[in-house]
Amino acid sequence: MPHHPPARPDKLALTASEVASLLGVSRAHVWRLNAARKLPEPIRLGRAVRWSRSEIESWLAAGAPDRRDWHDRSAPLFHQA
């Protein structure tokens, strides 16, 4: 597994490589998890794809539920209705 440098602690939006570093998995595995809807919904900034650091951290603290369960649990915190 390639080594990915950790994200700066003050960085709000994380790349797939930075999410991989936080999770201890490869970048390819992050993309597989995303395709399987196992990660929180990423943020699209033009062609760039990023994940909210606070959402990833909260998702992990909640036991890493799949996207549907996470969305239902976190709707008031991270998602607009």
PDB file of N, CA and C in Angstrom:
ATOM      1  N   MET A   1       0.850  -1.166   0.000  1.00  0.00           N
ATOM      2  CA  MET A   1       0.000   0.000   0.000  1.00  0.00           C
ATOM      3  C   MET A   1       0.895   1.228   0.000  1.00  0.00           C
ATOM      4  N   PRO A   2       0.651   2.181  -0.912  1.00  0.00           N
ATOM      5  CA  PRO A   2       1.480   3.381  -0.952  1.00  0.00           C
ATOM      6  C   PRO A   2       1.246   4.245   0.280  1.00  0.00           C
ATOM      7  N   HIS A   3       2.287   4.938   0.675  1.00  0.00           N
ATOM      8  CA  HIS A   3       2.163   5.842   1.817  1.00  0.00           C
ATOM      9  C   HIS A   3       1.582   7.170   1.341  1.00  0.00           C
ATOM     10  N   HIS A   4       0.570   7.637   2.049  1.00  0.00           N
ATOM     11  CA  HIS A   4      -0.041   8.922   1.735  1.00  0.00           C
ATOM     12  C   HIS A   4       0.250   9.862   2.889  1.00  0.00           C
ATOM     13  N   PRO A   5       0.773  11.063   2.594  1.00  0.00           N
ATOM     14  CA  PRO A   5       1.051  11.989   3.686  1.00  0.00           C
ATOM     15  C   PRO A   5      -0.246  12.408   4.367  1.00  0.00           C
ATOM     16  N   PRO A   6      -0.224  12.568   5.683  1.00  0.00           N
ATOM     17  CA  PRO A   6      -1.445  12.971   6.384  1.00  0.00           C
ATOM     18  C   PRO A   6      -1.853  14.384   6.006  1.00  0.00           C
ATOM     19  N   ALA A   7      -3.153  14.635   6.081  1.00  0.00           N
ATOM     20  CA  ALA A   7      -3.668  15.974   5.799  1.00  0.00           C
ATOM     21  C   ALA A   7      -3.307  16.903   6.942  1.00  0.00           C
ATOM     22  N   ARG A   8      -3.108  18.157   6.604  1.00  0.00           N
ATOM     23  CA  ARG A   8      -2.889  19.149   7.660  1.00  0.00           C
ATOM     24  C   ARG A   8      -4.123  19.181   8.559  1.00  0.00           C
ATOM     25  N   PRO A   9      -3.949  19.326   9.856  1.00  0.00           N
ATOM     26  CA  PRO A   9      -5.092  19.308  10.779  1.00  0.00           C
ATOM     27  C   PRO A   9      -6.082  20.444  10.538  1.00  0.00           C
ATOM     28  N   ASP A  10      -5.640  21.543   9.922  1.00  0.00           N
ATOM     29  CA  ASP A  10      -6.532  22.671   9.692  1.00  0.00           C
ATOM     30  C   ASP A  10      -7.241  22.601   8.334  1.00  0.00           C
ATOM     31  N   LYS A  11      -6.960  21.570   7.562  1.00  0.00           N
ATOM     32  CA  LYS A  11      -7.544  21.422   6.231  1.00  0.00           C
ATOM     33  C   LYS A  11      -8.979  20.914   6.354  1.00  0.00           C
ATOM     34  N   LEU A  12      -9.934  21.634   5.753  1.00  0.00           N
ATOM     35  CA  LEU A  12     -11.352  21.294   5.882  1.00  0.00           C
ATOM     36  C   LEU A  12     -11.824  20.260   4.866  1.00  0.00           C
ATOM     37  N   ALA A  13     -11.281  20.303   3.654  1.00  0.00           N
ATOM     38  CA  ALA A  13     -11.706  19.386   2.590  1.00  0.00           C
ATOM     39  C   ALA A  13     -10.540  18.474   2.230  1.00  0.00           C
ATOM     40  N   LEU A  14     -10.799  17.166   2.234  1.00  0.00           N
ATOM     41  CA  LEU A  14      -9.745  16.169   2.038  1.00  0.00           C
ATOM     42  C   LEU A  14      -9.826  15.510   0.667  1.00  0.00           C
ATOM     43  N   THR A  15      -8.675  15.237   0.098  1.00  0.00           N
ATOM     44  CA  THR A  15      -8.594  14.477  -1.144  1.00  0.00           C
ATOM     45  C   THR A  15      -8.769  12.988  -0.834  1.00  0.00           C
ATOM     46  N   ALA A  16      -8.905  12.190  -1.876  1.00  0.00           N
ATOM     47  CA  ALA A  16      -8.992  10.739  -1.695  1.00  0.00           C
ATOM     48  C   ALA A  16      -7.732  10.203  -1.011  1.00  0.00           C
ATOM     49  N   SER A  17      -6.571  10.738  -1.349  1.00  0.00           N
ATOM     50  CA  SER A  17      -5.323  10.302  -0.717  1.00  0.00           C
ATOM     51  C   SER A  17      -5.317  10.629   0.766  1.00  0.00           C
ATOM     52  N   GLU A  18      -5.829  11.791   1.125  1.00  0.00           N
ATOM     53  CA  GLU A  18      -5.864  12.183   2.532  1.00  0.00           C
ATOM     54  C   GLU A  18      -6.891  11.358   3.316  1.00  0.00           C
ATOM     55  N   VAL A  19      -8.021  11.055   2.687  1.00  0.00           N
ATOM     56  CA  VAL A  19      -9.005  10.168   3.328  1.00  0.00           C
ATOM     57  C   VAL A  19      -8.384   8.791   3.517  1.00  0.00           C
ATOM     58  N   ALA A  20      -7.665   8.312   2.512  1.00  0.00           N
ATOM     59  CA  ALA A  20      -6.986   7.017   2.611  1.00  0.00           C
ATOM     60  C   ALA A  20      -6.023   7.005   3.801  1.00  0.00           C
ATOM     61  N   SER A  21      -5.272   8.076   3.977  1.00  0.00           N
ATOM     62  CA  SER A  21      -4.336   8.161   5.094  1.00  0.00           C
ATOM     63  C   SER A  21      -5.072   8.108   6.433  1.00  0.00           C
ATOM     64  N   LEU A  22      -6.183   8.834   6.547  1.00  0.00           N
ATOM     65  CA  LEU A  22      -6.962   8.813   7.791  1.00  0.00           C
ATOM     66  C   LEU A  22      -7.514   7.422   8.090  1.00  0.00           C
ATOM     67  N   LEU A  23      -7.935   6.718   7.040  1.00  0.00           N
ATOM     68  CA  LEU A  23      -8.553   5.405   7.216  1.00  0.00           C
ATOM     69  C   LEU A  23      -7.537   4.263   7.261  1.00  0.00           C
ATOM     70  N   GLY A  24      -6.312   4.532   6.831  1.00  0.00           N
ATOM     71  CA  GLY A  24      -5.296   3.487   6.802  1.00  0.00           C
ATOM     72  C   GLY A  24      -5.509   2.491   5.672  1.00  0.00           C
ATOM     73  N   VAL A  25      -6.022   2.986   4.546  1.00  0.00           N
ATOM     74  CA  VAL A  25      -6.269   2.142   3.368  1.00  0.00           C
ATOM     75  C   VAL A  25      -5.641   2.817   2.149  1.00  0.00           C
ATOM     76  N   SER A  26      -5.682   2.141   1.013  1.00  0.00           N
ATOM     77  CA  SER A  26      -5.143   2.731  -0.209  1.00  0.00           C
ATOM     78  C   SER A  26      -6.142   3.720  -0.816  1.00  0.00           C
ATOM     79  N   ARG A  27      -5.625   4.581  -1.671  1.00  0.00           N
ATOM     80  CA  ARG A  27      -6.484   5.531  -2.381  1.00  0.00           C
ATOM     81  C   ARG A  27      -7.493   4.781  -3.256  1.00  0.00           C
ATOM     82  N   ALA A  28      -7.058   3.696  -3.891  1.00  0.00           N
ATOM     83  CA  ALA A  28      -7.968   2.896  -4.716  1.00  0.00           C
ATOM     84  C   ALA A  28      -9.116   2.341  -3.872  1.00  0.00           C
ATOM     85  N   HIS A  29      -8.798   1.951  -2.634  1.00  0.00           N
ATOM     86  CA  HIS A  29      -9.851   1.421  -1.766  1.00  0.00           C
ATOM     87  C   HIS A  29     -10.849   2.514  -1.387  1.00  0.00           C
ATOM     88  N   VAL A  30     -10.375   3.743  -1.204  1.00  0.00           N
ATOM     89  CA  VAL A  30     -11.293   4.864  -0.947  1.00  0.00           C
ATOM     90  C   VAL A  30     -12.281   4.987  -2.101  1.00  0.00           C
ATOM     91  N   TRP A  31     -11.784   4.905  -3.328  1.00  0.00           N
ATOM     92  CA  TRP A  31     -12.679   5.015  -4.491  1.00  0.00           C
ATOM     93  C   TRP A  31     -13.642   3.832  -4.562  1.00  0.00           C
ATOM     94  N   ARG A  32     -13.178   2.634  -4.192  1.00  0.00           N
ATOM     95  CA  ARG A  32     -14.081   1.471  -4.156  1.00  0.00           C
ATOM     96  C   ARG A  32     -15.157   1.653  -3.086  1.00  0.00           C
ATOM     97  N   LEU A  33     -14.764   2.136  -1.912  1.00  0.00           N
ATOM     98  CA  LEU A  33     -15.746   2.402  -0.853  1.00  0.00           C
ATOM     99  C   LEU A  33     -16.762   3.453  -1.300  1.00  0.00           C
ATOM    100  N   ASN A  34     -16.283   4.480  -1.967  1.00  0.00           N
ATOM    101  CA  ASN A  34     -17.188   5.523  -2.446  1.00  0.00           C
ATOM    102  C   ASN A  34     -18.160   4.968  -3.482  1.00  0.00           C
ATOM    103  N   ALA A  35     -17.655   4.164  -4.421  1.00  0.00           N
ATOM    104  CA  ALA A  35     -18.515   3.576  -5.455  1.00  0.00           C
ATOM    105  C   ALA A  35     -19.559   2.644  -4.846  1.00  0.00           C
ATOM    106  N   ALA A  36     -19.196   1.980  -3.750  1.00  0.00           N
ATOM    107  CA  ALA A  36     -20.129   1.076  -3.064  1.00  0.00           C
ATOM    108  C   ALA A  36     -21.038   1.829  -2.087  1.00  0.00           C
ATOM    109  N   ARG A  37     -20.907   3.141  -2.051  1.00  0.00           N
ATOM    110  CA  ARG A  37     -21.717   4.003  -1.172  1.00  0.00           C
ATOM    111  C   ARG A  37     -21.487   3.681   0.310  1.00  0.00           C
ATOM    112  N   LYS A  38     -20.231   3.416   0.639  1.00  0.00           N
ATOM    113  CA  LYS A  38     -19.854   3.110   2.025  1.00  0.00           C
ATOM    114  C   LYS A  38     -19.256   4.321   2.737  1.00  0.00           C
ATOM    115  N   LEU A  39     -18.899   5.356   1.993  1.00  0.00           N
ATOM    116  CA  LEU A  39     -18.358   6.591   2.565  1.00  0.00           C
ATOM    117  C   LEU A  39     -19.421   7.683   2.509  1.00  0.00           C
ATOM    118  N   PRO A  40     -19.282   8.722   3.331  1.00  0.00           N
ATOM    119  CA  PRO A  40     -20.177   9.869   3.180  1.00  0.00           C
ATOM    120  C   PRO A  40     -20.055  10.461   1.771  1.00  0.00           C
ATOM    121  N   GLU A  41     -21.083  11.122   1.337  1.00  0.00           N
ATOM    122  CA  GLU A  41     -21.107  11.740   0.002  1.00  0.00           C
ATOM    123  C   GLU A  41     -19.980  12.764  -0.106  1.00  0.00           C
ATOM    124  N   PRO A  42     -19.170  12.674  -1.168  1.00  0.00           N
ATOM    125  CA  PRO A  42     -18.113  13.672  -1.331  1.00  0.00           C
ATOM    126  C   PRO A  42     -18.680  15.004  -1.822  1.00  0.00           C
ATOM    127  N   ILE A  43     -17.855  16.015  -1.729  1.00  0.00           N
ATOM    128  CA  ILE A  43     -18.180  17.353  -2.222  1.00  0.00           C
ATOM    129  C   ILE A  43     -17.516  17.500  -3.580  1.00  0.00           C
ATOM    130  N   ARG A  44     -18.238  17.986  -4.551  1.00  0.00           N
ATOM    131  CA  ARG A  44     -17.658  18.205  -5.880  1.00  0.00           C
ATOM    132  C   ARG A  44     -17.416  19.697  -6.059  1.00  0.00           C
ATOM    133  N   LEU A  45     -16.170  20.040  -6.345  1.00  0.00           N
ATOM    134  CA  LEU A  45     -15.769  21.424  -6.593  1.00  0.00           C
ATOM    135  C   LEU A  45     -15.252  21.471  -8.027  1.00  0.00           C
ATOM    136  N   GLY A  46     -16.157  21.699  -8.964  1.00  0.00           N
ATOM    137  CA  GLY A  46     -15.776  21.566 -10.363  1.00  0.00           C
ATOM    138  C   GLY A  46     -15.477  20.107 -10.631  1.00  0.00           C
ATOM    139  N   ARG A  47     -14.287  19.823 -11.124  1.00  0.00           N
ATOM    140  CA  ARG A  47     -13.887  18.435 -11.374  1.00  0.00           C
ATOM    141  C   ARG A  47     -13.231  17.790 -10.159  1.00  0.00           C
ATOM    142  N   ALA A  48     -12.914  18.586  -9.160  1.00  0.00           N
ATOM    143  CA  ALA A  48     -12.260  18.062  -7.954  1.00  0.00           C
ATOM    144  C   ALA A  48     -13.292  17.401  -7.038  1.00  0.00           C
ATOM    145  N   VAL A  49     -12.885  16.327  -6.406  1.00  0.00           N
ATOM    146  CA  VAL A  49     -13.733  15.612  -5.445  1.00  0.00           C
ATOM    147  C   VAL A  49     -13.034  15.675  -4.093  1.00  0.00           C
ATOM    148  N   ARG A  50     -13.779  16.122  -3.085  1.00  0.00           N
ATOM    149  CA  ARG A  50     -13.231  16.247  -1.740  1.00  0.00           C
ATOM    150  C   ARG A  50     -14.252  15.726  -0.730  1.00  0.00           C
ATOM    151  N   TRP A  51     -13.760  15.358   0.452  1.00  0.00           N
ATOM    152  CA  TRP A  51     -14.627  14.954   1.554  1.00  0.00           C
ATOM    153  C   TRP A  51     -14.432  15.946   2.691  1.00  0.00           C
ATOM    154  N   SER A  52     -15.497  16.249   3.389  1.00  0.00           N
ATOM    155  CA  SER A  52     -15.431  17.120   4.553  1.00  0.00           C
ATOM    156  C   SER A  52     -14.701  16.385   5.675  1.00  0.00           C
ATOM    157  N   ARG A  53     -13.645  17.005   6.187  1.00  0.00           N
ATOM    158  CA  ARG A  53     -12.879  16.385   7.273  1.00  0.00           C
ATOM    159  C   ARG A  53     -13.785  16.121   8.473  1.00  0.00           C
ATOM    160  N   SER A  54     -14.590  17.107   8.862  1.00  0.00           N
ATOM    161  CA  SER A  54     -15.434  16.927  10.048  1.00  0.00           C
ATOM    162  C   SER A  54     -16.460  15.824   9.830  1.00  0.00           C
ATOM    163  N   GLU A  55     -16.964  15.697   8.602  1.00  0.00           N
ATOM    164  CA  GLU A  55     -17.927  14.627   8.337  1.00  0.00           C
ATOM    165  C   GLU A  55     -17.260  13.260   8.377  1.00  0.00           C
ATOM    166  N   ILE A  56     -16.081  13.137   7.804  1.00  0.00           N
ATOM    167  CA  ILE A  56     -15.355  11.856   7.845  1.00  0.00           C
ATOM    168  C   ILE A  56     -15.053  11.476   9.294  1.00  0.00           C
ATOM    169  N   GLU A  57     -14.606  12.434  10.099  1.00  0.00           N
ATOM    170  CA  GLU A  57     -14.298  12.144  11.501  1.00  0.00           C
ATOM    171  C   GLU A  57     -15.553  11.737  12.273  1.00  0.00           C
ATOM    172  N   SER A  58     -16.670  12.426  12.039  1.00  0.00           N
ATOM    173  CA  SER A  58     -17.935  12.076  12.706  1.00  0.00           C
ATOM    174  C   SER A  58     -18.440  10.719  12.240  1.00  0.00           C
ATOM    175  N   TRP A  59     -18.300  10.442  10.942  1.00  0.00           N
ATOM    176  CA  TRP A  59     -18.707   9.161  10.364  1.00  0.00           C
ATOM    177  C   TRP A  59     -17.932   8.017  11.014  1.00  0.00           C
ATOM    178  N   LEU A  60     -16.621   8.202  11.185  1.00  0.00           N
ATOM    179  CA  LEU A  60     -15.810   7.177  11.847  1.00  0.00           C
ATOM    180  C   LEU A  60     -16.250   6.979  13.295  1.00  0.00           C
ATOM    181  N   ALA A  61     -16.497   8.084  14.000  1.00  0.00           N
ATOM    182  CA  ALA A  61     -16.916   7.996  15.400  1.00  0.00           C
ATOM    183  C   ALA A  61     -18.263   7.287  15.544  1.00  0.00           C
ATOM    184  N   ALA A  62     -19.092   7.360  14.489  1.00  0.00           N
ATOM    185  CA  ALA A  62     -20.404   6.706  14.505  1.00  0.00           C
ATOM    186  C   ALA A  62     -20.331   5.241  14.088  1.00  0.00           C
ATOM    187  N   GLY A  63     -19.132   4.749  13.806  1.00  0.00           N
ATOM    188  CA  GLY A  63     -18.976   3.340  13.449  1.00  0.00           C
ATOM    189  C   GLY A  63     -18.934   3.080  11.961  1.00  0.00           C
ATOM    190  N   ALA A  64     -18.733   4.116  11.153  1.00  0.00           N
ATOM    191  CA  ALA A  64     -18.598   4.000   9.696  1.00  0.00           C
ATOM    192  C   ALA A  64     -19.798   3.318   9.030  1.00  0.00           C
ATOM    193  N   PRO A  65     -21.026   3.834   9.270  1.00  0.00           N
ATOM    194  CA  PRO A  65     -22.198   3.240   8.615  1.00  0.00           C
ATOM    195  C   PRO A  65     -22.191   3.505   7.113  1.00  0.00           C
ATOM    196  N   ASP A  66     -22.986   2.732   6.347  1.00  0.00           N
ATOM    197  CA  ASP A  66     -23.045   2.994   4.910  1.00  0.00           C
ATOM    198  C   ASP A  66     -23.702   4.358   4.666  1.00  0.00           C
ATOM    199  N   ARG A  67     -23.601   4.837   3.439  1.00  0.00           N
ATOM    200  CA  ARG A  67     -24.013   6.206   3.105  1.00  0.00           C
ATOM    201  C   ARG A  67     -25.466   6.493   3.441  1.00  0.00           C
ATOM    202  N   ARG A  68     -26.351   5.559   3.149  1.00  0.00           N
ATOM    203  CA  ARG A  68     -27.770   5.795   3.409  1.00  0.00           C
ATOM    204  C   ARG A  68     -28.034   5.971   4.911  1.00  0.00           C
ATOM    205  N   ASP A  69     -27.489   5.044   5.712  1.00  0.00           N
ATOM    206  CA  ASP A  69     -27.664   5.148   7.162  1.00  0.00           C
ATOM    207  C   ASP A  69     -27.013   6.424   7.694  1.00  0.00           C
ATOM    208  N   TRP A  70     -25.826   6.742   7.181  1.00  0.00           N
ATOM    209  CA  TRP A  70     -25.135   7.947   7.629  1.00  0.00           C
ATOM    210  C   TRP A  70     -25.945   9.195   7.285  1.00  0.00           C
ATOM    211  N   HIS A  71     -26.470   9.244   6.080  1.00  0.00           N
ATOM    212  CA  HIS A  71     -27.256  10.406   5.670  1.00  0.00           C
ATOM    213  C   HIS A  71     -28.476  10.571   6.572  1.00  0.00           C
ATOM    214  N   ASP A  72     -29.139   9.464   6.883  1.00  0.00           N
ATOM    215  CA  ASP A  72     -30.316   9.532   7.757  1.00  0.00           C
ATOM    216  C   ASP A  72     -29.946  10.018   9.161  1.00  0.00           C
ATOM    217  N   ARG A  73     -28.816   9.558   9.677  1.00  0.00           N
ATOM    218  CA  ARG A  73     -28.373   9.947  11.024  1.00  0.00           C
ATOM    219  C   ARG A  73     -27.869  11.383  11.077  1.00  0.00           C
ATOM    220  N   SER A  74     -27.166  11.808  10.029  1.00  0.00           N
ATOM    221  CA  SER A  74     -26.458  13.079  10.082  1.00  0.00           C
ATOM    222  C   SER A  74     -27.161  14.218   9.359  1.00  0.00           C
ATOM    223  N   ALA A  75     -28.347  13.984   8.810  1.00  0.00           N
ATOM    224  CA  ALA A  75     -29.028  15.005   8.016  1.00  0.00           C
ATOM    225  C   ALA A  75     -29.083  16.369   8.700  1.00  0.00           C
ATOM    226  N   PRO A  76     -29.431  16.457   9.982  1.00  0.00           N
ATOM    227  CA  PRO A  76     -29.472  17.779  10.594  1.00  0.00           C
ATOM    228  C   PRO A  76     -28.100  18.448  10.707  1.00  0.00           C
ATOM    229  N   LEU A  77     -27.028  17.659  10.761  1.00  0.00           N
ATOM    230  CA  LEU A  77     -25.692  18.210  10.967  1.00  0.00           C
ATOM    231  C   LEU A  77     -24.975  18.605   9.682  1.00  0.00           C
ATOM    232  N   PHE A  78     -25.045  17.730   8.666  1.00  0.00           N
ATOM    233  CA  PHE A  78     -24.217  17.923   7.484  1.00  0.00           C
ATOM    234  C   PHE A  78     -24.983  18.148   6.191  1.00  0.00           C
ATOM    235  N   HIS A  79     -26.265  17.902   6.169  1.00  0.00           N
ATOM    236  CA  HIS A  79     -27.006  17.955   4.913  1.00  0.00           C
ATOM    237  C   HIS A  79     -28.199  18.878   5.026  1.00  0.00           C
ATOM    238  N   GLN A  80     -28.452  19.593   3.973  1.00  0.00           N
ATOM    239  CA  GLN A  80     -29.635  20.441   3.943  1.00  0.00           C
ATOM    240  C   GLN A  80     -30.796  19.634   3.411  1.00  0.00           C
ATOM    241  N   ALA A  81     -31.958  19.842   3.988  1.00  0.00           N
ATOM    242  CA  ALA A  81     -33.150  19.092   3.579  1.00  0.00           C
ATOM    243  C   ALA A  81     -33.694  19.579   2.263  1.00  0.00           C
TER     244      ALA A  81
END
